N, C-alpha and C. Protein backbone atom coordinates (compact mmCIF):
# COMPACT_ATOMS: atom_id res chain seq x y z
N UNK A 1 326.63 192.84 38.24
CA UNK A 1 326.65 194.26 37.91
C UNK A 1 325.38 194.60 37.16
N UNK A 2 324.80 195.70 37.49
CA UNK A 2 323.56 196.12 36.84
C UNK A 2 323.87 196.89 35.57
N UNK A 3 322.94 196.86 34.64
CA UNK A 3 323.11 197.54 33.35
C UNK A 3 323.36 199.03 33.52
N UNK A 4 322.80 199.64 34.58
CA UNK A 4 322.98 201.08 34.77
C UNK A 4 324.45 201.43 34.97
N UNK A 5 325.21 200.56 35.62
CA UNK A 5 326.62 200.82 35.84
C UNK A 5 327.36 200.90 34.51
N UNK A 6 327.06 200.01 33.59
CA UNK A 6 327.68 200.06 32.27
C UNK A 6 327.26 201.32 31.54
N UNK A 7 326.02 201.71 31.66
CA UNK A 7 325.55 202.91 30.98
C UNK A 7 326.33 204.13 31.45
N UNK A 8 326.60 204.21 32.73
CA UNK A 8 327.38 205.32 33.25
C UNK A 8 328.77 205.32 32.61
N UNK A 9 329.30 204.16 32.31
CA UNK A 9 330.61 204.07 31.68
C UNK A 9 330.68 204.74 30.33
N UNK A 10 329.57 204.96 29.70
CA UNK A 10 329.58 205.66 28.41
C UNK A 10 330.13 207.06 28.53
N UNK A 11 330.02 207.64 29.68
CA UNK A 11 330.55 208.99 29.87
C UNK A 11 332.04 209.03 29.60
N UNK A 12 332.70 207.92 29.78
CA UNK A 12 334.14 207.88 29.61
C UNK A 12 334.57 208.09 28.18
N UNK A 13 333.67 208.06 27.24
CA UNK A 13 334.06 208.27 25.85
C UNK A 13 334.44 209.72 25.60
N UNK A 14 333.89 210.65 26.36
CA UNK A 14 334.21 212.06 26.12
C UNK A 14 335.61 212.37 26.61
N UNK A 15 336.33 213.23 25.91
CA UNK A 15 337.66 213.62 26.35
C UNK A 15 337.58 214.56 27.55
N UNK A 16 337.83 214.08 28.76
CA UNK A 16 337.62 214.89 29.93
C UNK A 16 338.52 216.11 30.02
N UNK A 17 339.71 216.08 29.46
CA UNK A 17 340.58 217.24 29.53
C UNK A 17 340.01 218.41 28.74
N UNK A 18 339.18 218.14 27.76
CA UNK A 18 338.55 219.20 26.98
C UNK A 18 337.24 219.62 27.58
N UNK A 19 336.65 218.78 28.37
CA UNK A 19 335.24 218.91 28.71
C UNK A 19 334.97 220.00 29.72
N UNK A 20 333.77 220.50 29.63
CA UNK A 20 333.29 221.44 30.62
C UNK A 20 332.96 220.61 31.87
N UNK A 21 333.61 220.93 32.98
CA UNK A 21 333.49 220.12 34.18
C UNK A 21 332.04 220.01 34.67
N UNK A 22 331.23 221.04 34.46
CA UNK A 22 329.83 221.00 34.89
C UNK A 22 329.06 219.89 34.18
N UNK A 23 329.52 219.47 33.00
CA UNK A 23 328.82 218.41 32.27
C UNK A 23 328.79 217.10 33.04
N UNK A 24 329.80 216.86 33.86
CA UNK A 24 329.90 215.58 34.57
C UNK A 24 328.77 215.37 35.56
N UNK A 25 328.15 216.46 35.99
CA UNK A 25 327.05 216.36 36.94
C UNK A 25 325.67 216.36 36.28
N UNK A 26 325.63 216.40 34.97
CA UNK A 26 324.37 216.43 34.23
C UNK A 26 323.93 214.99 33.90
N UNK A 27 322.63 214.79 33.69
CA UNK A 27 322.16 213.45 33.33
C UNK A 27 322.62 213.05 31.93
N UNK A 28 322.79 211.76 31.74
CA UNK A 28 323.18 211.21 30.44
C UNK A 28 321.92 210.75 29.73
N UNK A 29 321.77 211.14 28.48
CA UNK A 29 320.65 210.69 27.65
C UNK A 29 321.22 209.93 26.47
N UNK A 30 320.73 208.72 26.24
CA UNK A 30 321.24 207.89 25.16
C UNK A 30 320.06 207.38 24.35
N UNK A 31 320.18 207.52 23.03
CA UNK A 31 319.18 206.96 22.13
C UNK A 31 319.90 206.11 21.11
N UNK A 32 319.30 204.99 20.74
CA UNK A 32 319.85 204.10 19.72
C UNK A 32 318.72 203.21 19.22
N UNK A 33 318.98 202.56 18.10
CA UNK A 33 317.99 201.62 17.58
C UNK A 33 317.93 200.36 18.43
N UNK A 34 319.08 199.98 19.04
CA UNK A 34 319.08 198.77 19.87
C UNK A 34 320.18 198.85 20.93
N UNK A 35 320.00 198.08 22.00
CA UNK A 35 320.97 197.98 23.09
C UNK A 35 321.09 196.52 23.49
N UNK A 36 322.34 196.05 23.61
CA UNK A 36 322.61 194.71 24.12
C UNK A 36 323.56 194.86 25.30
N UNK A 37 323.22 194.25 26.44
CA UNK A 37 324.05 194.32 27.63
C UNK A 37 324.42 192.91 28.05
N UNK A 38 325.71 192.68 28.27
CA UNK A 38 326.22 191.41 28.80
C UNK A 38 326.77 191.71 30.19
N UNK A 39 325.96 191.46 31.23
CA UNK A 39 326.37 191.75 32.59
C UNK A 39 327.57 190.93 33.04
N UNK A 40 327.70 189.71 32.56
CA UNK A 40 328.81 188.85 32.96
C UNK A 40 330.13 189.41 32.44
N UNK A 41 330.17 189.78 31.16
CA UNK A 41 331.39 190.31 30.55
C UNK A 41 331.53 191.82 30.72
N UNK A 42 330.52 192.47 31.30
CA UNK A 42 330.50 193.91 31.54
C UNK A 42 330.68 194.70 30.25
N UNK A 43 329.81 194.42 29.29
CA UNK A 43 329.85 195.08 27.98
C UNK A 43 328.44 195.57 27.64
N UNK A 44 328.37 196.79 27.13
CA UNK A 44 327.11 197.33 26.60
C UNK A 44 327.37 197.77 25.17
N UNK A 45 326.47 197.40 24.26
CA UNK A 45 326.61 197.75 22.85
C UNK A 45 325.33 198.44 22.39
N UNK A 46 325.49 199.67 21.95
CA UNK A 46 324.40 200.45 21.36
C UNK A 46 324.61 200.45 19.86
N UNK A 47 323.55 200.19 19.09
CA UNK A 47 323.69 200.16 17.63
C UNK A 47 322.57 200.95 16.97
N UNK A 48 322.92 201.56 15.85
CA UNK A 48 321.95 202.25 15.02
C UNK A 48 321.65 203.67 15.46
N UNK A 49 322.18 204.63 14.76
CA UNK A 49 321.88 206.04 15.01
C UNK A 49 322.04 206.40 16.48
N UNK A 50 323.18 206.05 17.07
CA UNK A 50 323.42 206.30 18.49
C UNK A 50 323.66 207.79 18.71
N UNK A 51 322.93 208.35 19.67
CA UNK A 51 323.12 209.74 20.07
C UNK A 51 323.21 209.77 21.59
N UNK A 52 324.33 210.27 22.10
CA UNK A 52 324.54 210.40 23.53
C UNK A 52 324.70 211.89 23.82
N UNK A 53 323.98 212.39 24.81
CA UNK A 53 324.16 213.77 25.23
C UNK A 53 324.30 213.82 26.74
N UNK A 54 325.12 214.76 27.19
CA UNK A 54 325.28 215.03 28.62
C UNK A 54 325.77 216.47 28.73
N UNK A 55 324.90 217.36 29.14
CA UNK A 55 325.28 218.77 29.18
C UNK A 55 325.63 219.24 27.78
N UNK A 56 326.84 219.78 27.61
CA UNK A 56 327.26 220.27 26.30
C UNK A 56 327.86 219.18 25.42
N UNK A 57 328.05 217.98 25.97
CA UNK A 57 328.62 216.87 25.20
C UNK A 57 327.57 216.24 24.29
N UNK A 58 327.97 215.99 23.06
CA UNK A 58 327.13 215.22 22.14
C UNK A 58 328.03 214.26 21.38
N UNK A 59 327.65 212.99 21.37
CA UNK A 59 328.36 211.96 20.61
C UNK A 59 327.35 211.32 19.68
N UNK A 60 327.72 211.20 18.41
CA UNK A 60 326.88 210.46 17.47
C UNK A 60 327.75 209.38 16.83
N UNK A 61 327.16 208.22 16.62
CA UNK A 61 327.90 207.10 16.04
C UNK A 61 326.92 206.07 15.51
N UNK A 62 327.43 205.17 14.70
CA UNK A 62 326.61 204.04 14.24
C UNK A 62 326.55 202.96 15.32
N UNK A 63 327.66 202.86 16.09
CA UNK A 63 327.76 201.82 17.12
C UNK A 63 328.65 202.35 18.24
N UNK A 64 328.24 202.11 19.47
CA UNK A 64 329.05 202.46 20.64
C UNK A 64 329.14 201.22 21.51
N UNK A 65 330.37 200.85 21.84
CA UNK A 65 330.61 199.69 22.72
C UNK A 65 331.40 200.15 23.93
N UNK A 66 330.92 199.79 25.12
CA UNK A 66 331.57 200.17 26.37
C UNK A 66 331.87 198.90 27.16
N UNK A 67 333.11 198.82 27.67
CA UNK A 67 333.54 197.70 28.49
C UNK A 67 334.03 198.23 29.83
N UNK A 68 333.78 197.47 30.88
CA UNK A 68 334.24 197.86 32.21
C UNK A 68 335.07 196.73 32.79
N UNK A 69 336.26 197.09 33.35
CA UNK A 69 337.10 196.04 33.94
C UNK A 69 336.73 195.86 35.42
N UNK A 70 337.41 194.92 36.08
CA UNK A 70 337.08 194.58 37.46
C UNK A 70 337.37 195.72 38.44
N UNK A 71 338.26 196.64 38.05
CA UNK A 71 338.57 197.79 38.91
C UNK A 71 337.62 198.96 38.66
N UNK A 72 336.69 198.83 37.71
CA UNK A 72 335.73 199.88 37.44
C UNK A 72 336.13 200.84 36.34
N UNK A 73 337.32 200.64 35.75
CA UNK A 73 337.73 201.49 34.64
C UNK A 73 336.98 201.08 33.38
N UNK A 74 336.69 202.06 32.55
CA UNK A 74 335.94 201.77 31.32
C UNK A 74 336.77 202.12 30.09
N UNK A 75 336.50 201.36 29.04
CA UNK A 75 337.00 201.69 27.71
C UNK A 75 335.78 201.75 26.82
N UNK A 76 335.84 202.63 25.85
CA UNK A 76 334.71 202.77 24.95
C UNK A 76 335.16 203.03 23.54
N UNK A 77 334.42 202.51 22.60
CA UNK A 77 334.66 202.73 21.18
C UNK A 77 333.37 203.24 20.55
N UNK A 78 333.48 204.34 19.83
CA UNK A 78 332.37 204.86 19.03
C UNK A 78 332.77 204.69 17.58
N UNK A 79 331.96 203.95 16.82
CA UNK A 79 332.26 203.68 15.42
C UNK A 79 331.23 204.34 14.53
N UNK A 80 331.70 204.88 13.40
CA UNK A 80 330.76 205.52 12.49
C UNK A 80 331.41 205.93 11.19
N UNK A 81 330.64 206.56 10.38
CA UNK A 81 331.12 207.03 9.07
C UNK A 81 330.82 208.51 8.93
N UNK A 82 331.38 209.36 9.73
CA UNK A 82 332.27 209.11 10.87
C UNK A 82 331.52 209.15 12.20
N UNK A 83 332.21 208.69 13.25
CA UNK A 83 331.74 208.95 14.61
C UNK A 83 332.11 210.40 14.92
N UNK A 84 331.35 211.04 15.80
CA UNK A 84 331.52 212.47 16.02
C UNK A 84 331.29 212.79 17.49
N UNK A 85 332.08 213.75 18.01
CA UNK A 85 331.78 214.30 19.32
C UNK A 85 331.92 215.81 19.26
N UNK A 86 331.20 216.47 20.14
CA UNK A 86 331.27 217.92 20.28
C UNK A 86 331.02 218.24 21.74
N UNK A 87 331.88 219.12 22.31
CA UNK A 87 331.71 219.49 23.70
C UNK A 87 332.35 220.84 23.97
N UNK A 88 331.66 221.65 24.77
CA UNK A 88 332.23 222.95 25.15
C UNK A 88 333.38 222.71 26.11
N UNK A 89 334.42 223.52 25.96
CA UNK A 89 335.61 223.37 26.80
C UNK A 89 335.55 224.32 27.98
N UNK A 90 336.20 223.90 29.06
CA UNK A 90 336.38 224.78 30.21
C UNK A 90 337.40 225.84 29.87
N UNK A 91 337.39 226.93 30.61
CA UNK A 91 338.43 227.93 30.47
C UNK A 91 339.78 227.27 30.76
N UNK A 92 340.79 227.69 30.07
CA UNK A 92 342.16 227.19 30.19
C UNK A 92 342.32 225.76 29.70
N UNK A 93 341.36 225.23 28.97
CA UNK A 93 341.50 223.89 28.40
C UNK A 93 342.60 223.91 27.37
N UNK A 94 343.47 222.92 27.42
CA UNK A 94 344.55 222.84 26.46
C UNK A 94 345.50 224.01 26.56
N UNK A 95 345.60 224.64 27.76
CA UNK A 95 346.52 225.74 27.94
C UNK A 95 346.02 227.06 27.37
N UNK A 96 344.80 227.12 26.91
CA UNK A 96 344.27 228.35 26.33
C UNK A 96 343.40 229.06 27.36
N UNK A 97 343.83 230.24 27.85
CA UNK A 97 343.05 230.92 28.87
C UNK A 97 341.68 231.37 28.38
N UNK A 98 341.50 231.50 27.07
CA UNK A 98 340.23 231.95 26.52
C UNK A 98 339.39 230.80 25.99
N UNK A 99 339.71 229.57 26.37
CA UNK A 99 339.04 228.41 25.77
C UNK A 99 337.59 228.26 26.22
N UNK A 100 337.22 228.81 27.37
CA UNK A 100 335.85 228.67 27.84
C UNK A 100 334.86 229.19 26.81
N UNK A 101 333.87 228.40 26.49
CA UNK A 101 332.89 228.78 25.48
C UNK A 101 333.20 228.23 24.11
N UNK A 102 334.48 227.90 23.83
CA UNK A 102 334.82 227.26 22.57
C UNK A 102 334.40 225.80 22.63
N UNK A 103 334.19 225.23 21.48
CA UNK A 103 333.84 223.82 21.41
C UNK A 103 335.00 223.02 20.82
N UNK A 104 335.21 221.84 21.35
CA UNK A 104 336.11 220.87 20.74
C UNK A 104 335.22 219.91 19.97
N UNK A 105 335.62 219.60 18.75
CA UNK A 105 334.87 218.66 17.92
C UNK A 105 335.85 217.65 17.35
N UNK A 106 335.39 216.43 17.21
CA UNK A 106 336.23 215.39 16.63
C UNK A 106 335.42 214.47 15.74
N UNK A 107 336.06 214.03 14.65
CA UNK A 107 335.45 213.10 13.72
C UNK A 107 336.47 212.01 13.43
N UNK A 108 336.03 210.78 13.32
CA UNK A 108 336.90 209.67 12.94
C UNK A 108 336.04 208.45 12.66
N UNK A 109 336.63 207.48 11.98
CA UNK A 109 335.91 206.23 11.78
C UNK A 109 335.70 205.52 13.11
N UNK A 110 336.67 205.73 14.04
CA UNK A 110 336.56 205.12 15.37
C UNK A 110 337.14 206.10 16.39
N UNK A 111 336.40 206.34 17.45
CA UNK A 111 336.89 207.15 18.57
C UNK A 111 336.98 206.22 19.76
N UNK A 112 338.19 206.10 20.33
CA UNK A 112 338.43 205.19 21.45
C UNK A 112 338.78 206.00 22.69
N UNK A 113 338.32 205.53 23.85
CA UNK A 113 338.67 206.18 25.10
C UNK A 113 338.99 205.13 26.14
N UNK A 114 340.05 205.38 26.93
CA UNK A 114 340.45 204.49 28.02
C UNK A 114 340.50 205.33 29.29
N UNK A 115 339.60 205.05 30.23
CA UNK A 115 339.55 205.87 31.45
C UNK A 115 340.74 205.61 32.37
N UNK A 116 341.35 204.45 32.28
CA UNK A 116 342.48 204.15 33.16
C UNK A 116 343.62 205.15 32.94
N UNK A 117 343.94 205.42 31.70
CA UNK A 117 345.02 206.36 31.39
C UNK A 117 344.54 207.71 30.92
N UNK A 118 343.22 207.91 30.87
CA UNK A 118 342.62 209.14 30.38
C UNK A 118 343.18 209.48 28.99
N UNK A 119 343.09 208.49 28.09
CA UNK A 119 343.63 208.63 26.74
C UNK A 119 342.52 208.50 25.70
N UNK A 120 342.63 209.31 24.65
CA UNK A 120 341.67 209.29 23.55
C UNK A 120 342.43 209.04 22.26
N UNK A 121 341.87 208.19 21.40
CA UNK A 121 342.43 207.95 20.06
C UNK A 121 341.33 208.15 19.04
N UNK A 122 341.62 208.94 18.01
CA UNK A 122 340.73 209.09 16.87
C UNK A 122 341.41 208.35 15.74
N UNK A 123 340.77 207.32 15.20
CA UNK A 123 341.40 206.42 14.25
C UNK A 123 340.65 206.43 12.93
N UNK A 124 341.37 206.62 11.84
CA UNK A 124 340.79 206.56 10.50
C UNK A 124 340.16 207.87 10.09
N UNK A 125 340.80 208.57 9.17
CA UNK A 125 340.32 209.87 8.68
C UNK A 125 339.97 210.77 9.86
N UNK A 126 340.91 210.87 10.79
CA UNK A 126 340.68 211.59 12.04
C UNK A 126 340.81 213.10 11.84
N UNK A 127 339.96 213.80 12.55
CA UNK A 127 339.97 215.26 12.50
C UNK A 127 339.58 215.78 13.87
N UNK A 128 340.36 216.71 14.39
CA UNK A 128 340.10 217.32 15.69
C UNK A 128 340.10 218.82 15.50
N UNK A 129 339.06 219.48 15.98
CA UNK A 129 338.93 220.92 15.77
C UNK A 129 338.61 221.59 17.10
N UNK A 130 339.29 222.69 17.36
CA UNK A 130 339.04 223.49 18.57
C UNK A 130 339.05 224.95 18.14
N UNK A 131 337.87 225.56 18.10
CA UNK A 131 337.78 226.92 17.58
C UNK A 131 338.16 226.91 16.11
N UNK A 132 339.13 227.74 15.75
CA UNK A 132 339.59 227.79 14.37
C UNK A 132 340.81 226.90 14.13
N UNK A 133 341.31 226.26 15.18
CA UNK A 133 342.46 225.38 15.04
C UNK A 133 341.98 223.98 14.69
N UNK A 134 342.76 223.30 13.85
CA UNK A 134 342.34 221.99 13.37
C UNK A 134 343.54 221.09 13.16
N UNK A 135 343.37 219.81 13.44
CA UNK A 135 344.40 218.81 13.24
C UNK A 135 343.77 217.64 12.51
N UNK A 136 344.45 217.17 11.45
CA UNK A 136 343.95 216.04 10.67
C UNK A 136 345.06 215.01 10.49
N UNK A 137 344.67 213.76 10.43
CA UNK A 137 345.59 212.66 10.19
C UNK A 137 344.79 211.37 10.20
N UNK A 138 345.48 210.26 9.99
CA UNK A 138 344.79 208.99 10.07
C UNK A 138 344.67 208.50 11.51
N UNK A 139 345.52 209.04 12.39
CA UNK A 139 345.47 208.69 13.80
C UNK A 139 345.84 209.93 14.61
N UNK A 140 344.97 210.30 15.53
CA UNK A 140 345.26 211.39 16.47
C UNK A 140 345.10 210.80 17.86
N UNK A 141 346.13 210.95 18.69
CA UNK A 141 346.05 210.47 20.07
C UNK A 141 346.18 211.66 21.00
N UNK A 142 345.52 211.56 22.14
CA UNK A 142 345.57 212.62 23.14
C UNK A 142 345.71 211.97 24.51
N UNK A 143 346.73 212.41 25.25
CA UNK A 143 346.97 211.95 26.61
C UNK A 143 346.47 213.03 27.56
N UNK A 144 345.38 212.76 28.26
CA UNK A 144 344.76 213.75 29.13
C UNK A 144 345.67 214.29 30.22
N UNK A 145 346.33 213.41 31.00
CA UNK A 145 347.15 213.92 32.10
C UNK A 145 348.30 214.83 31.65
N UNK A 146 348.92 214.51 30.52
CA UNK A 146 350.05 215.32 30.07
C UNK A 146 349.64 216.44 29.12
N UNK A 147 348.44 216.34 28.52
CA UNK A 147 348.03 217.32 27.52
C UNK A 147 348.76 217.15 26.20
N UNK A 148 349.35 215.98 25.97
CA UNK A 148 350.18 215.72 24.79
C UNK A 148 349.33 215.18 23.64
N UNK A 149 349.43 215.83 22.48
CA UNK A 149 348.75 215.38 21.26
C UNK A 149 349.78 214.76 20.34
N UNK A 150 349.36 213.82 19.53
CA UNK A 150 350.21 213.26 18.49
C UNK A 150 349.32 212.90 17.30
N UNK A 151 349.80 213.19 16.10
CA UNK A 151 349.05 212.84 14.89
C UNK A 151 349.96 212.08 13.96
N UNK A 152 349.41 211.09 13.29
CA UNK A 152 350.14 210.31 12.29
C UNK A 152 349.35 210.34 11.00
N UNK A 153 350.08 210.45 9.90
CA UNK A 153 349.44 210.46 8.59
C UNK A 153 349.05 209.08 8.14
N UNK A 154 349.77 208.07 8.62
CA UNK A 154 349.51 206.70 8.21
C UNK A 154 349.47 205.80 9.43
N UNK A 155 348.59 204.83 9.40
CA UNK A 155 348.55 203.86 10.50
C UNK A 155 348.79 202.44 10.01
N UNK A 156 348.86 202.28 8.69
CA UNK A 156 349.02 200.93 8.15
C UNK A 156 350.16 200.83 7.13
N UNK A 157 351.07 201.79 7.16
CA UNK A 157 352.20 201.75 6.24
C UNK A 157 351.96 202.40 4.89
N UNK A 158 350.72 202.77 4.60
CA UNK A 158 350.44 203.46 3.34
C UNK A 158 350.83 204.93 3.49
N UNK A 159 351.10 205.60 2.37
CA UNK A 159 351.48 207.01 2.47
C UNK A 159 350.36 207.84 3.08
N UNK A 160 350.74 208.80 3.87
CA UNK A 160 349.77 209.68 4.49
C UNK A 160 350.48 210.85 5.14
N UNK A 161 349.78 211.92 5.35
CA UNK A 161 350.35 213.11 5.95
C UNK A 161 349.40 213.65 7.01
N UNK A 162 349.93 214.48 7.88
CA UNK A 162 349.10 215.19 8.84
C UNK A 162 348.97 216.63 8.39
N UNK A 163 347.92 217.26 8.85
CA UNK A 163 347.69 218.67 8.50
C UNK A 163 347.23 219.38 9.76
N UNK A 164 347.83 220.54 10.02
CA UNK A 164 347.44 221.33 11.18
C UNK A 164 347.17 222.76 10.75
N UNK A 165 346.12 223.34 11.29
CA UNK A 165 345.82 224.75 11.11
C UNK A 165 345.90 225.36 12.50
N UNK A 166 346.85 226.29 12.67
CA UNK A 166 347.09 226.89 13.97
C UNK A 166 346.80 228.38 13.89
N UNK A 167 345.93 228.83 14.73
CA UNK A 167 345.53 230.23 14.76
C UNK A 167 346.57 231.04 15.53
N UNK A 168 346.98 232.19 15.02
CA UNK A 168 347.94 233.04 15.75
C UNK A 168 347.36 233.48 17.09
N UNK A 169 348.24 233.72 18.05
CA UNK A 169 347.78 234.14 19.37
C UNK A 169 347.14 235.52 19.34
N UNK A 170 347.58 236.37 18.42
CA UNK A 170 346.97 237.68 18.26
C UNK A 170 345.62 237.49 17.59
N UNK A 171 344.56 237.81 18.28
CA UNK A 171 343.21 237.58 17.76
C UNK A 171 342.72 238.67 16.83
N UNK A 172 343.54 239.69 16.60
CA UNK A 172 343.12 240.77 15.71
C UNK A 172 343.07 240.26 14.28
N UNK A 173 342.02 240.61 13.53
CA UNK A 173 341.93 240.14 12.14
C UNK A 173 343.06 240.72 11.29
N UNK A 174 343.53 239.92 10.36
CA UNK A 174 344.60 240.36 9.47
C UNK A 174 344.07 241.42 8.53
N UNK A 175 344.93 242.41 8.23
CA UNK A 175 344.55 243.48 7.30
C UNK A 175 344.90 243.05 5.89
N UNK A 176 344.06 243.42 4.90
CA UNK A 176 344.34 243.01 3.51
C UNK A 176 345.56 243.67 2.94
């Protein structure tokens, strides 16, 4: 397997259910302080000030690791303090007819993506924001095919809570 195939796998880190579909046809640009590729194990590791862009998608992390299985599915982990992504959403993303033009943003110590199940996990001080709506917890999971979100306040048995800010459907500003 050539290194370029693994590089393409980095695209799998973005949450496709949120993403602007036109981004998938744009070139991927990746910058990092270093890159290590293991063609035998099908792993690529970018380290140091990693910045990935593709269309409206931007991912920043201290380290990004991408693995590809024998069927061509990829898993990716972006690690940072925090790792971050930002991408413009398509119209009707997440069931919101007015979502086009809004950005989804996420922060966490680790952002994981599995292309086989189209699942995203934000782990450790996780925060997901879409427009004025926001979800916080120690673990946020998103299942792309079902559109199901889940947040947990604790992932290791320590006390923790989730926090959600939900914008009313009526977009008119509140009167004082």
